[in-house]
Amino acid sequence: MANRILIVDDAAFMRMMIRDILSKNGYEVVGEGQDGTQAIEKFKELKPDLITMDITMPEMDGIAALKEIKKLDPNAKVIMCSAMGQQAMVIDAIQAGAKDFIVKPFQADRVIEAIKKTLG
């Protein structure tokens, strides 16, 4: 069975890019969200194997959502996505429990490498 992935990013274009990369590599995208609040709701509803989540989003950012998701499921696998130059946020994300991070703009091979490593 394909691994089930939830994509969370406030930019529809970025969600589309990740969805394309994942679909072409045999992963199943089970849902999408555009902010941290939706990430938590969809995580509870869909129980994905992995979440890719943007750090900077309106309403609730990715790090706050990550912390909430980790409270719901300490074993949740989350890969954070961030634009260049957000190193401090990336460190916060890793400390909050993110398994890896991908830098935008996305490189398909890096996305797949991070996912394979995380799902292991």
PDB file of N, CA and C in Angstrom:
ATOM      1  N   MET A   1       0.840  -1.191   0.000  1.00  0.00           N
ATOM      2  CA  MET A   1       0.000   0.000   0.000  1.00  0.00           C
ATOM      3  C   MET A   1       0.883   1.251   0.000  1.00  0.00           C
ATOM      4  N   ALA A   2       0.467   2.251  -0.763  1.00  0.00           N
ATOM      5  CA  ALA A   2       1.249   3.483  -0.856  1.00  0.00           C
ATOM      6  C   ALA A   2       1.217   4.220   0.481  1.00  0.00           C
ATOM      7  N   ASN A   3       2.315   4.910   0.788  1.00  0.00           N
ATOM      8  CA  ASN A   3       2.328   5.727   1.996  1.00  0.00           C
ATOM      9  C   ASN A   3       1.406   6.919   1.801  1.00  0.00           C
ATOM     10  N   ARG A   4       0.649   7.225   2.843  1.00  0.00           N
ATOM     11  CA  ARG A   4      -0.360   8.285   2.791  1.00  0.00           C
ATOM     12  C   ARG A   4       0.223   9.572   3.358  1.00  0.00           C
ATOM     13  N   ILE A   5       0.185  10.630   2.548  1.00  0.00           N
ATOM     14  CA  ILE A   5       0.835  11.884   2.938  1.00  0.00           C
ATOM     15  C   ILE A   5      -0.147  13.050   2.919  1.00  0.00           C
ATOM     16  N   LEU A   6      -0.036  13.888   3.946  1.00  0.00           N
ATOM     17  CA  LEU A   6      -0.815  15.119   4.054  1.00  0.00           C
ATOM     18  C   LEU A   6       0.123  16.284   3.738  1.00  0.00           C
ATOM     19  N   ILE A   7      -0.325  17.176   2.855  1.00  0.00           N
ATOM     20  CA  ILE A   7       0.483  18.335   2.460  1.00  0.00           C
ATOM     21  C   ILE A   7      -0.143  19.595   3.059  1.00  0.00           C
ATOM     22  N   VAL A   8       0.659  20.368   3.793  1.00  0.00           N
ATOM     23  CA  VAL A   8       0.146  21.611   4.376  1.00  0.00           C
ATOM     24  C   VAL A   8       1.052  22.776   3.980  1.00  0.00           C
ATOM     25  N   ASP A   9       0.470  23.716   3.232  1.00  0.00           N
ATOM     26  CA  ASP A   9       1.199  24.912   2.810  1.00  0.00           C
ATOM     27  C   ASP A   9       0.152  25.963   2.455  1.00  0.00           C
ATOM     28  N   ASP A  10       0.416  27.219   2.813  1.00  0.00           N
ATOM     29  CA  ASP A  10      -0.575  28.247   2.502  1.00  0.00           C
ATOM     30  C   ASP A  10      -0.590  28.609   1.019  1.00  0.00           C
ATOM     31  N   ALA A  11       0.435  28.224   0.267  1.00  0.00           N
ATOM     32  CA  ALA A  11       0.486  28.523  -1.169  1.00  0.00           C
ATOM     33  C   ALA A  11       0.016  27.314  -1.978  1.00  0.00           C
ATOM     34  N   ALA A  12      -1.091  27.488  -2.694  1.00  0.00           N
ATOM     35  CA  ALA A  12      -1.651  26.398  -3.511  1.00  0.00           C
ATOM     36  C   ALA A  12      -0.622  25.888  -4.509  1.00  0.00           C
ATOM     37  N   PHE A  13       0.179  26.791  -5.052  1.00  0.00           N
ATOM     38  CA  PHE A  13       1.201  26.423  -6.023  1.00  0.00           C
ATOM     39  C   PHE A  13       2.212  25.457  -5.415  1.00  0.00           C
ATOM     40  N   MET A  14       2.624  25.722  -4.172  1.00  0.00           N
ATOM     41  CA  MET A  14       3.584  24.842  -3.498  1.00  0.00           C
ATOM     42  C   MET A  14       2.956  23.468  -3.212  1.00  0.00           C
ATOM     43  N   ARG A  15       1.696  23.466  -2.797  1.00  0.00           N
ATOM     44  CA  ARG A  15       1.012  22.182  -2.563  1.00  0.00           C
ATOM     45  C   ARG A  15       0.970  21.375  -3.856  1.00  0.00           C
ATOM     46  N   MET A  16       0.672  22.055  -4.961  1.00  0.00           N
ATOM     47  CA  MET A  16       0.600  21.386  -6.252  1.00  0.00           C
ATOM     48  C   MET A  16       1.962  20.803  -6.632  1.00  0.00           C
ATOM     49  N   MET A  17       3.032  21.574  -6.400  1.00  0.00           N
ATOM     50  CA  MET A  17       4.376  21.067  -6.730  1.00  0.00           C
ATOM     51  C   MET A  17       4.705  19.808  -5.935  1.00  0.00           C
ATOM     52  N   ILE A  18       4.437  19.837  -4.629  1.00  0.00           N
ATOM     53  CA  ILE A  18       4.733  18.654  -3.804  1.00  0.00           C
ATOM     54  C   ILE A  18       3.848  17.484  -4.219  1.00  0.00           C
ATOM     55  N   ARG A  19       2.555  17.771  -4.473  1.00  0.00           N
ATOM     56  CA  ARG A  19       1.638  16.689  -4.869  1.00  0.00           C
ATOM     57  C   ARG A  19       2.150  16.005  -6.127  1.00  0.00           C
ATOM     58  N   ASP A  20       2.602  16.789  -7.109  1.00  0.00           N
ATOM     59  CA  ASP A  20       3.132  16.225  -8.360  1.00  0.00           C
ATOM     60  C   ASP A  20       4.337  15.328  -8.089  1.00  0.00           C
ATOM     61  N   ILE A  21       5.276  15.826  -7.289  1.00  0.00           N
ATOM     62  CA  ILE A  21       6.489  15.054  -6.970  1.00  0.00           C
ATOM     63  C   ILE A  21       6.104  13.739  -6.299  1.00  0.00           C
ATOM     64  N   LEU A  22       5.198  13.813  -5.314  1.00  0.00           N
ATOM     65  CA  LEU A  22       4.808  12.615  -4.565  1.00  0.00           C
ATOM     66  C   LEU A  22       4.072  11.611  -5.446  1.00  0.00           C
ATOM     67  N   SER A  23       3.107  12.103  -6.226  1.00  0.00           N
ATOM     68  CA  SER A  23       2.316  11.214  -7.090  1.00  0.00           C
ATOM     69  C   SER A  23       3.202  10.477  -8.080  1.00  0.00           C
ATOM     70  N   LYS A  24       4.136  11.194  -8.675  1.00  0.00           N
ATOM     71  CA  LYS A  24       5.033  10.580  -9.663  1.00  0.00           C
ATOM     72  C   LYS A  24       5.918   9.516  -9.033  1.00  0.00           C
ATOM     73  N   ASN A  25       6.098   9.576  -7.722  1.00  0.00           N
ATOM     74  CA  ASN A  25       6.964   8.620  -7.044  1.00  0.00           C
ATOM     75  C   ASN A  25       6.190   7.579  -6.246  1.00  0.00           C
ATOM     76  N   GLY A  26       4.901   7.451  -6.533  1.00  0.00           N
ATOM     77  CA  GLY A  26       4.112   6.370  -5.957  1.00  0.00           C
ATOM     78  C   GLY A  26       3.538   6.619  -4.570  1.00  0.00           C
ATOM     79  N   TYR A  27       3.557   7.876  -4.120  1.00  0.00           N
ATOM     80  CA  TYR A  27       2.963   8.182  -2.812  1.00  0.00           C
ATOM     81  C   TYR A  27       1.529   8.637  -3.000  1.00  0.00           C
ATOM     82  N   GLU A  28       0.707   8.405  -1.998  1.00  0.00           N
ATOM     83  CA  GLU A  28      -0.697   8.803  -2.059  1.00  0.00           C
ATOM     84  C   GLU A  28      -0.898  10.068  -1.225  1.00  0.00           C
ATOM     85  N   VAL A  29      -1.350  11.144  -1.887  1.00  0.00           N
ATOM     86  CA  VAL A  29      -1.659  12.374  -1.157  1.00  0.00           C
ATOM     87  C   VAL A  29      -3.103  12.256  -0.679  1.00  0.00           C
ATOM     88  N   VAL A  30      -3.270  12.148   0.653  1.00  0.00           N
ATOM     89  CA  VAL A  30      -4.613  11.909   1.203  1.00  0.00           C
ATOM     90  C   VAL A  30      -5.347  13.197   1.555  1.00  0.00           C
ATOM     91  N   GLY A  31      -4.614  14.314   1.596  1.00  0.00           N
ATOM     92  CA  GLY A  31      -5.281  15.564   1.919  1.00  0.00           C
ATOM     93  C   GLY A  31      -4.322  16.727   1.840  1.00  0.00           C
ATOM     94  N   GLU A  32      -4.913  17.931   1.883  1.00  0.00           N
ATOM     95  CA  GLU A  32      -4.132  19.157   1.852  1.00  0.00           C
ATOM     96  C   GLU A  32      -4.735  20.154   2.832  1.00  0.00           C
ATOM     97  N   GLY A  33      -3.874  21.011   3.376  1.00  0.00           N
ATOM     98  CA  GLY A  33      -4.339  22.073   4.255  1.00  0.00           C
ATOM     99  C   GLY A  33      -3.562  23.335   3.943  1.00  0.00           C
ATOM    100  N   GLN A  34      -4.124  24.485   4.361  1.00  0.00           N
ATOM    101  CA  GLN A  34      -3.418  25.736   4.056  1.00  0.00           C
ATOM    102  C   GLN A  34      -2.975  26.515   5.279  1.00  0.00           C
ATOM    103  N   ASP A  35      -3.182  25.942   6.476  1.00  0.00           N
ATOM    104  CA  ASP A  35      -2.628  26.570   7.676  1.00  0.00           C
ATOM    105  C   ASP A  35      -2.521  25.523   8.786  1.00  0.00           C
ATOM    106  N   GLY A  36      -1.910  25.926   9.891  1.00  0.00           N
ATOM    107  CA  GLY A  36      -1.665  24.986  10.980  1.00  0.00           C
ATOM    108  C   GLY A  36      -2.927  24.393  11.580  1.00  0.00           C
ATOM    109  N   THR A  37      -3.983  25.196  11.655  1.00  0.00           N
ATOM    110  CA  THR A  37      -5.250  24.706  12.216  1.00  0.00           C
ATOM    111  C   THR A  37      -5.794  23.560  11.360  1.00  0.00           C
ATOM    112  N   GLN A  38      -5.767  23.751  10.041  1.00  0.00           N
ATOM    113  CA  GLN A  38      -6.225  22.687   9.128  1.00  0.00           C
ATOM    114  C   GLN A  38      -5.317  21.467   9.233  1.00  0.00           C
ATOM    115  N   ALA A  39      -4.027  21.699   9.428  1.00  0.00           N
ATOM    116  CA  ALA A  39      -3.080  20.582   9.553  1.00  0.00           C
ATOM    117  C   ALA A  39      -3.498  19.669  10.696  1.00  0.00           C
ATOM    118  N   ILE A  40      -3.839  20.262  11.838  1.00  0.00           N
ATOM    119  CA  ILE A  40      -4.230  19.477  13.017  1.00  0.00           C
ATOM    120  C   ILE A  40      -5.538  18.741  12.766  1.00  0.00           C
ATOM    121  N   GLU A  41      -6.531  19.452  12.205  1.00  0.00           N
ATOM    122  CA  GLU A  41      -7.834  18.825  11.918  1.00  0.00           C
ATOM    123  C   GLU A  41      -7.665  17.651  10.962  1.00  0.00           C
ATOM    124  N   LYS A  42      -6.916  17.886   9.876  1.00  0.00           N
ATOM    125  CA  LYS A  42      -6.761  16.831   8.871  1.00  0.00           C
ATOM    126  C   LYS A  42      -5.905  15.679   9.386  1.00  0.00           C
ATOM    127  N   PHE A  43      -4.938  15.967  10.247  1.00  0.00           N
ATOM    128  CA  PHE A  43      -4.143  14.902  10.850  1.00  0.00           C
ATOM    129  C   PHE A  43      -5.057  13.975  11.653  1.00  0.00           C
ATOM    130  N   LYS A  44      -5.947  14.559  12.462  1.00  0.00           N
ATOM    131  CA  LYS A  44      -6.866  13.753  13.285  1.00  0.00           C
ATOM    132  C   LYS A  44      -7.815  12.947  12.402  1.00  0.00           C
ATOM    133  N   GLU A  45      -8.295  13.579  11.334  1.00  0.00           N
ATOM    134  CA  GLU A  45      -9.278  12.955  10.462  1.00  0.00           C
ATOM    135  C   GLU A  45      -8.671  11.878   9.562  1.00  0.00           C
ATOM    136  N   LEU A  46      -7.502  12.165   8.967  1.00  0.00           N
ATOM    137  CA  LEU A  46      -6.943  11.298   7.927  1.00  0.00           C
ATOM    138  C   LEU A  46      -5.884  10.316   8.407  1.00  0.00           C
ATOM    139  N   LYS A  47      -5.276  10.573   9.573  1.00  0.00           N
ATOM    140  CA  LYS A  47      -4.211   9.716  10.102  1.00  0.00           C
ATOM    141  C   LYS A  47      -3.160   9.383   9.030  1.00  0.00           C
ATOM    142  N   PRO A  48      -2.526  10.418   8.460  1.00  0.00           N
ATOM    143  CA  PRO A  48      -1.531  10.149   7.403  1.00  0.00           C
ATOM    144  C   PRO A  48      -0.257   9.514   7.975  1.00  0.00           C
ATOM    145  N   ASP A  49       0.512   8.873   7.097  1.00  0.00           N
ATOM    146  CA  ASP A  49       1.795   8.290   7.510  1.00  0.00           C
ATOM    147  C   ASP A  49       2.844   9.384   7.695  1.00  0.00           C
ATOM    148  N   LEU A  50       2.659  10.505   6.977  1.00  0.00           N
ATOM    149  CA  LEU A  50       3.637  11.578   7.017  1.00  0.00           C
ATOM    150  C   LEU A  50       2.962  12.891   6.631  1.00  0.00           C
ATOM    151  N   ILE A  51       3.484  13.989   7.172  1.00  0.00           N
ATOM    152  CA  ILE A  51       2.976  15.320   6.825  1.00  0.00           C
ATOM    153  C   ILE A  51       4.146  16.155   6.319  1.00  0.00           C
ATOM    154  N   THR A  52       3.937  16.860   5.195  1.00  0.00           N
ATOM    155  CA  THR A  52       4.893  17.898   4.811  1.00  0.00           C
ATOM    156  C   THR A  52       4.218  19.204   5.190  1.00  0.00           C
ATOM    157  N   MET A  53       4.930  20.056   5.930  1.00  0.00           N
ATOM    158  CA  MET A  53       4.298  21.263   6.451  1.00  0.00           C
ATOM    159  C   MET A  53       5.190  22.487   6.314  1.00  0.00           C
ATOM    160  N   ASP A  54       4.599  23.530   5.766  1.00  0.00           N
ATOM    161  CA  ASP A  54       5.295  24.807   5.649  1.00  0.00           C
ATOM    162  C   ASP A  54       5.473  25.385   7.049  1.00  0.00           C
ATOM    163  N   ILE A  55       6.539  26.133   7.254  1.00  0.00           N
ATOM    164  CA  ILE A  55       6.746  26.761   8.562  1.00  0.00           C
ATOM    165  C   ILE A  55       5.931  28.052   8.672  1.00  0.00           C
ATOM    166  N   THR A  56       5.999  28.890   7.638  1.00  0.00           N
ATOM    167  CA  THR A  56       5.360  30.201   7.705  1.00  0.00           C
ATOM    168  C   THR A  56       3.979  30.170   7.062  1.00  0.00           C
ATOM    169  N   MET A  57       2.938  30.237   7.895  1.00  0.00           N
ATOM    170  CA  MET A  57       1.562  30.225   7.395  1.00  0.00           C
ATOM    171  C   MET A  57       0.702  31.147   8.258  1.00  0.00           C
ATOM    172  N   PRO A  58      -0.422  31.627   7.693  1.00  0.00           N
ATOM    173  CA  PRO A  58      -1.334  32.466   8.486  1.00  0.00           C
ATOM    174  C   PRO A  58      -2.077  31.623   9.530  1.00  0.00           C
ATOM    175  N   GLU A  59      -2.828  32.268  10.380  1.00  0.00           N
ATOM    176  CA  GLU A  59      -3.609  31.614  11.451  1.00  0.00           C
ATOM    177  C   GLU A  59      -2.688  30.956  12.480  1.00  0.00           C
ATOM    178  N   MET A  60      -2.166  29.788  12.132  1.00  0.00           N
ATOM    179  CA  MET A  60      -1.241  29.071  13.024  1.00  0.00           C
ATOM    180  C   MET A  60      -0.062  28.618  12.183  1.00  0.00           C
ATOM    181  N   ASP A  61       1.162  28.938  12.628  1.00  0.00           N
ATOM    182  CA  ASP A  61       2.320  28.550  11.820  1.00  0.00           C
ATOM    183  C   ASP A  61       2.632  27.060  11.973  1.00  0.00           C
ATOM    184  N   GLY A  62       3.555  26.603  11.139  1.00  0.00           N
ATOM    185  CA  GLY A  62       3.878  25.184  11.101  1.00  0.00           C
ATOM    186  C   GLY A  62       4.477  24.639  12.385  1.00  0.00           C
ATOM    187  N   ILE A  63       5.258  25.458  13.091  1.00  0.00           N
ATOM    188  CA  ILE A  63       5.895  24.973  14.316  1.00  0.00           C
ATOM    189  C   ILE A  63       4.856  24.780  15.423  1.00  0.00           C
ATOM    190  N   ALA A  64       3.919  25.724  15.534  1.00  0.00           N
ATOM    191  CA  ALA A  64       2.843  25.582  16.527  1.00  0.00           C
ATOM    192  C   ALA A  64       1.992  24.345  16.211  1.00  0.00           C
ATOM    193  N   ALA A  65       1.692  24.149  14.925  1.00  0.00           N
ATOM    194  CA  ALA A  65       0.901  22.983  14.510  1.00  0.00           C
ATOM    195  C   ALA A  65       1.666  21.691  14.788  1.00  0.00           C
ATOM    196  N   LEU A  66       2.961  21.700  14.508  1.00  0.00           N
ATOM    197  CA  LEU A  66       3.813  20.532  14.765  1.00  0.00           C
ATOM    198  C   LEU A  66       3.744  20.135  16.239  1.00  0.00           C
ATOM    199  N   LYS A  67       3.851  21.120  17.125  1.00  0.00           N
ATOM    200  CA  LYS A  67       3.807  20.837  18.567  1.00  0.00           C
ATOM    201  C   LYS A  67       2.468  20.213  18.962  1.00  0.00           C
ATOM    202  N   GLU A  68       1.372  20.738  18.396  1.00  0.00           N
ATOM    203  CA  GLU A  68       0.041  20.194  18.700  1.00  0.00           C
ATOM    204  C   GLU A  68      -0.092  18.761  18.180  1.00  0.00           C
ATOM    205  N   ILE A  69       0.390  18.537  16.954  1.00  0.00           N
ATOM    206  CA  ILE A  69       0.306  17.193  16.356  1.00  0.00           C
ATOM    207  C   ILE A  69       1.126  16.205  17.174  1.00  0.00           C
ATOM    208  N   LYS A  70       2.296  16.627  17.649  1.00  0.00           N
ATOM    209  CA  LYS A  70       3.136  15.748  18.474  1.00  0.00           C
ATOM    210  C   LYS A  70       2.459  15.420  19.809  1.00  0.00           C
ATOM    211  N   LYS A  71       1.629  16.352  20.320  1.00  0.00           N
ATOM    212  CA  LYS A  71       0.868  16.055  21.550  1.00  0.00           C
ATOM    213  C   LYS A  71      -0.174  14.971  21.272  1.00  0.00           C
ATOM    214  N   LEU A  72      -0.806  15.050  20.091  1.00  0.00           N
ATOM    215  CA  LEU A  72      -1.825  14.065  19.718  1.00  0.00           C
ATOM    216  C   LEU A  72      -1.190  12.705  19.445  1.00  0.00           C
ATOM    217  N   ASP A  73      -0.027  12.724  18.790  1.00  0.00           N
ATOM    218  CA  ASP A  73       0.660  11.484  18.429  1.00  0.00           C
ATOM    219  C   ASP A  73       2.167  11.724  18.449  1.00  0.00           C
ATOM    220  N   PRO A  74       2.827  11.299  19.540  1.00  0.00           N
ATOM    221  CA  PRO A  74       4.276  11.519  19.656  1.00  0.00           C
ATOM    222  C   PRO A  74       5.077  10.884  18.526  1.00  0.00           C
ATOM    223  N   ASN A  75       4.474   9.905  17.830  1.00  0.00           N
ATOM    224  CA  ASN A  75       5.171   9.231  16.735  1.00  0.00           C
ATOM    225  C   ASN A  75       4.876   9.824  15.362  1.00  0.00           C
ATOM    226  N   ALA A  76       4.124  10.903  15.324  1.00  0.00           N
ATOM    227  CA  ALA A  76       3.786  11.525  14.035  1.00  0.00           C
ATOM    228  C   ALA A  76       5.065  11.903  13.297  1.00  0.00           C
ATOM    229  N   LYS A  77       5.071  11.674  11.992  1.00  0.00           N
ATOM    230  CA  LYS A  77       6.232  11.994  11.163  1.00  0.00           C
ATOM    231  C   LYS A  77       5.924  13.265  10.374  1.00  0.00           C
ATOM    232  N   VAL A  78       6.698  14.307  10.648  1.00  0.00           N
ATOM    233  CA  VAL A  78       6.471  15.597   9.991  1.00  0.00           C
ATOM    234  C   VAL A  78       7.777  16.087   9.380  1.00  0.00           C
ATOM    235  N   ILE A  79       7.699  16.486   8.109  1.00  0.00           N
ATOM    236  CA  ILE A  79       8.837  17.109   7.438  1.00  0.00           C
ATOM    237  C   ILE A  79       8.448  18.563   7.207  1.00  0.00           C
ATOM    238  N   MET A  80       9.260  19.474   7.718  1.00  0.00           N
ATOM    239  CA  MET A  80       8.967  20.896   7.562  1.00  0.00           C
ATOM    240  C   MET A  80       9.543  21.423   6.254  1.00  0.00           C
ATOM    241  N   CYS A  81       8.847  22.415   5.694  1.00  0.00           N
ATOM    242  CA  CYS A  81       9.305  23.068   4.472  1.00  0.00           C
ATOM    243  C   CYS A  81       9.522  24.539   4.788  1.00  0.00           C
ATOM    244  N   SER A  82      10.617  25.094   4.294  1.00  0.00           N
ATOM    245  CA  SER A  82      10.838  26.515   4.539  1.00  0.00           C
ATOM    246  C   SER A  82      11.587  27.136   3.381  1.00  0.00           C
ATOM    247  N   ALA A  83      11.423  28.437   3.245  1.00  0.00           N
ATOM    248  CA  ALA A  83      12.164  29.165   2.226  1.00  0.00           C
ATOM    249  C   ALA A  83      13.611  29.308   2.687  1.00  0.00           C
ATOM    250  N   MET A  84      14.466  29.693   1.808  1.00  0.00           N
ATOM    251  CA  MET A  84      15.875  29.902   2.147  1.00  0.00           C
ATOM    252  C   MET A  84      15.992  30.903   3.284  1.00  0.00           C
ATOM    253  N   GLY A  85      17.020  30.760   4.097  1.00  0.00           N
ATOM    254  CA  GLY A  85      17.320  31.765   5.094  1.00  0.00           C
ATOM    255  C   GLY A  85      16.467  31.742   6.349  1.00  0.00           C
ATOM    256  N   GLN A  86      15.801  30.625   6.610  1.00  0.00           N
ATOM    257  CA  GLN A  86      14.995  30.530   7.833  1.00  0.00           C
ATOM    258  C   GLN A  86      15.622  29.525   8.799  1.00  0.00           C
ATOM    259  N   GLN A  87      16.955  29.559   8.898  1.00  0.00           N
ATOM    260  CA  GLN A  87      17.663  28.560   9.695  1.00  0.00           C
ATOM    261  C   GLN A  87      17.187  28.489  11.141  1.00  0.00           C
ATOM    262  N   ALA A  88      16.946  29.634  11.761  1.00  0.00           N
ATOM    263  CA  ALA A  88      16.511  29.636  13.163  1.00  0.00           C
ATOM    264  C   ALA A  88      15.193  28.888  13.304  1.00  0.00           C
ATOM    265  N   MET A  89      14.279  29.102  12.357  1.00  0.00           N
ATOM    266  CA  MET A  89      12.984  28.412  12.398  1.00  0.00           C
ATOM    267  C   MET A  89      13.155  26.911  12.193  1.00  0.00           C
ATOM    268  N   VAL A  90      14.088  26.546  11.313  1.00  0.00           N
ATOM    269  CA  VAL A  90      14.342  25.130  11.056  1.00  0.00           C
ATOM    270  C   VAL A  90      14.823  24.452  12.341  1.00  0.00           C
ATOM    271  N   ILE A  91      15.713  25.110  13.070  1.00  0.00           N
ATOM    272  CA  ILE A  91      16.197  24.556  14.341  1.00  0.00           C
ATOM    273  C   ILE A  91      15.037  24.401  15.323  1.00  0.00           C
ATOM    274  N   ASP A  92      14.167  25.416  15.403  1.00  0.00           N
ATOM    275  CA  ASP A  92      12.976  25.330  16.259  1.00  0.00           C
ATOM    276  C   ASP A  92      12.126  24.129  15.864  1.00  0.00           C
ATOM    277  N   ALA A  93      11.952  23.935  14.559  1.00  0.00           N
ATOM    278  CA  ALA A  93      11.122  22.837  14.061  1.00  0.00           C
ATOM    279  C   ALA A  93      11.699  21.482  14.446  1.00  0.00           C
ATOM    280  N   ILE A  94      13.008  21.320  14.296  1.00  0.00           N
ATOM    281  CA  ILE A  94      13.660  20.055  14.646  1.00  0.00           C
ATOM    282  C   ILE A  94      13.526  19.806  16.162  1.00  0.00           C
ATOM    283  N   GLN A  95      13.726  20.858  16.941  1.00  0.00           N
ATOM    284  CA  GLN A  95      13.593  20.713  18.400  1.00  0.00           C
ATOM    285  C   GLN A  95      12.148  20.364  18.788  1.00  0.00           C
ATOM    286  N   ALA A  96      11.186  20.841  17.990  1.00  0.00           N
ATOM    287  CA  ALA A  96       9.782  20.561  18.282  1.00  0.00           C
ATOM    288  C   ALA A  96       9.372  19.169  17.811  1.00  0.00           C
ATOM    289  N   GLY A  97      10.266  18.490  17.099  1.00  0.00           N
ATOM    290  CA  GLY A  97       9.968  17.109  16.712  1.00  0.00           C
ATOM    291  C   GLY A  97       9.893  16.819  15.230  1.00  0.00           C
ATOM    292  N   ALA A  98      10.207  17.799  14.387  1.00  0.00           N
ATOM    293  CA  ALA A  98      10.206  17.521  12.939  1.00  0.00           C
ATOM    294  C   ALA A  98      11.301  16.513  12.624  1.00  0.00           C
ATOM    295  N   LYS A  99      11.046  15.637  11.677  1.00  0.00           N
ATOM    296  CA  LYS A  99      12.006  14.590  11.313  1.00  0.00           C
ATOM    297  C   LYS A  99      13.053  15.089  10.330  1.00  0.00           C
ATOM    298  N   ASP A 100      12.689  16.105   9.536  1.00  0.00           N
ATOM    299  CA  ASP A 100      13.591  16.598   8.499  1.00  0.00           C
ATOM    300  C   ASP A 100      13.009  17.909   7.999  1.00  0.00           C
ATOM    301  N   PHE A 101      13.742  18.575   7.121  1.00  0.00           N
ATOM    302  CA  PHE A 101      13.161  19.751   6.494  1.00  0.00           C
ATOM    303  C   PHE A 101      13.633  19.847   5.059  1.00  0.00           C
ATOM    304  N   ILE A 102      12.797  20.469   4.244  1.00  0.00           N
ATOM    305  CA  ILE A 102      13.077  20.639   2.827  1.00  0.00           C
ATOM    306  C   ILE A 102      13.061  22.140   2.569  1.00  0.00           C
ATOM    307  N   VAL A 103      14.010  22.608   1.782  1.00  0.00           N
ATOM    308  CA  VAL A 103      14.079  24.030   1.468  1.00  0.00           C
ATOM    309  C   VAL A 103      13.378  24.303   0.138  1.00  0.00           C
ATOM    310  N   LYS A 104      12.603  25.403   0.112  1.00  0.00           N
ATOM    311  CA  LYS A 104      11.970  25.834  -1.135  1.00  0.00           C
ATOM    312  C   LYS A 104      12.966  26.698  -1.905  1.00  0.00           C
ATOM    313  N   PRO A 105      12.944  26.733  -3.203  1.00  0.00           N
ATOM    314  CA  PRO A 105      12.069  25.932  -4.072  1.00  0.00           C
ATOM    315  C   PRO A 105      12.444  24.454  -4.023  1.00  0.00           C
ATOM    316  N   PHE A 106      11.433  23.605  -4.133  1.00  0.00           N
ATOM    317  CA  PHE A 106      11.631  22.170  -3.949  1.00  0.00           C
ATOM    318  C   PHE A 106      12.445  21.538  -5.065  1.00  0.00           C
ATOM    319  N   GLN A 107      13.375  20.670  -4.665  1.00  0.00           N
ATOM    320  CA  GLN A 107      14.096  19.814  -5.604  1.00  0.00           C
ATOM    321  C   GLN A 107      13.470  18.428  -5.429  1.00  0.00           C
ATOM    322  N   ALA A 108      12.931  17.876  -6.497  1.00  0.00           N
ATOM    323  CA  ALA A 108      12.208  16.609  -6.402  1.00  0.00           C
ATOM    324  C   ALA A 108      13.014  15.516  -5.697  1.00  0.00           C
ATOM    325  N   ASP A 109      14.299  15.381  -6.057  1.00  0.00           N
ATOM    326  CA  ASP A 109      15.082  14.300  -5.459  1.00  0.00           C
ATOM    327  C   ASP A 109      15.285  14.514  -3.961  1.00  0.00           C
ATOM    328  N   ARG A 110      15.390  15.767  -3.529  1.00  0.00           N
ATOM    329  CA  ARG A 110      15.548  16.059  -2.093  1.00  0.00           C
ATOM    330  C   ARG A 110      14.262  15.749  -1.332  1.00  0.00           C
ATOM    331  N   VAL A 111      13.116  16.069  -1.942  1.00  0.00           N
ATOM    332  CA  VAL A 111      11.821  15.780  -1.316  1.00  0.00           C
ATOM    333  C   VAL A 111      11.686  14.272  -1.105  1.00  0.00           C
ATOM    334  N   ILE A 112      11.950  13.501  -2.145  1.00  0.00           N
ATOM    335  CA  ILE A 112      11.810  12.042  -2.070  1.00  0.00           C
ATOM    336  C   ILE A 112      12.816  11.443  -1.087  1.00  0.00           C
ATOM    337  N   GLU A 113      14.042  11.964  -1.096  1.00  0.00           N
ATOM    338  CA  GLU A 113      15.066  11.480  -0.164  1.00  0.00           C
ATOM    339  C   GLU A 113      14.614  11.694   1.286  1.00  0.00           C
ATOM    340  N   ALA A 114      14.090  12.881   1.597  1.00  0.00           N
ATOM    341  CA  ALA A 114      13.629  13.182   2.957  1.00  0.00           C
ATOM    342  C   ALA A 114      12.476  12.273   3.362  1.00  0.00           C
ATOM    343  N   ILE A 115      11.566  12.023   2.442  1.00  0.00           N
ATOM    344  CA  ILE A 115      10.401  11.191   2.744  1.00  0.00           C
ATOM    345  C   ILE A 115      10.821   9.738   2.968  1.00  0.00           C
ATOM    346  N   LYS A 116      11.676   9.229   2.079  1.00  0.00           N
ATOM    347  CA  LYS A 116      12.146   7.840   2.229  1.00  0.00           C
ATOM    348  C   LYS A 116      12.874   7.663   3.571  1.00  0.00           C
ATOM    349  N   LYS A 117      13.719   8.634   3.902  1.00  0.00           N
ATOM    350  CA  LYS A 117      14.501   8.561   5.122  1.00  0.00           C
ATOM    351  C   LYS A 117      13.557   8.578   6.346  1.00  0.00           C
ATOM    352  N   THR A 118      12.548   9.432   6.291  1.00  0.00           N
ATOM    353  CA  THR A 118      11.638   9.584   7.425  1.00  0.00           C
ATOM    354  C   THR A 118      10.726   8.369   7.585  1.00  0.00           C
ATOM    355  N   LEU A 119      10.229   7.839   6.474  1.00  0.00           N
ATOM    356  CA  LEU A 119       9.326   6.679   6.564  1.00  0.00           C
ATOM    357  C   LEU A 119      10.118   5.397   6.830  1.00  0.00           C
ATOM    358  N   GLY A 120      11.387   5.413   6.393  1.00  0.00           N
ATOM    359  CA  GLY A 120      12.354   4.345   6.616  1.00  0.00           C
ATOM    360  C   GLY A 120      11.771   2.997   6.655  1.00  0.00           C
TER     361      GLY A 120
END
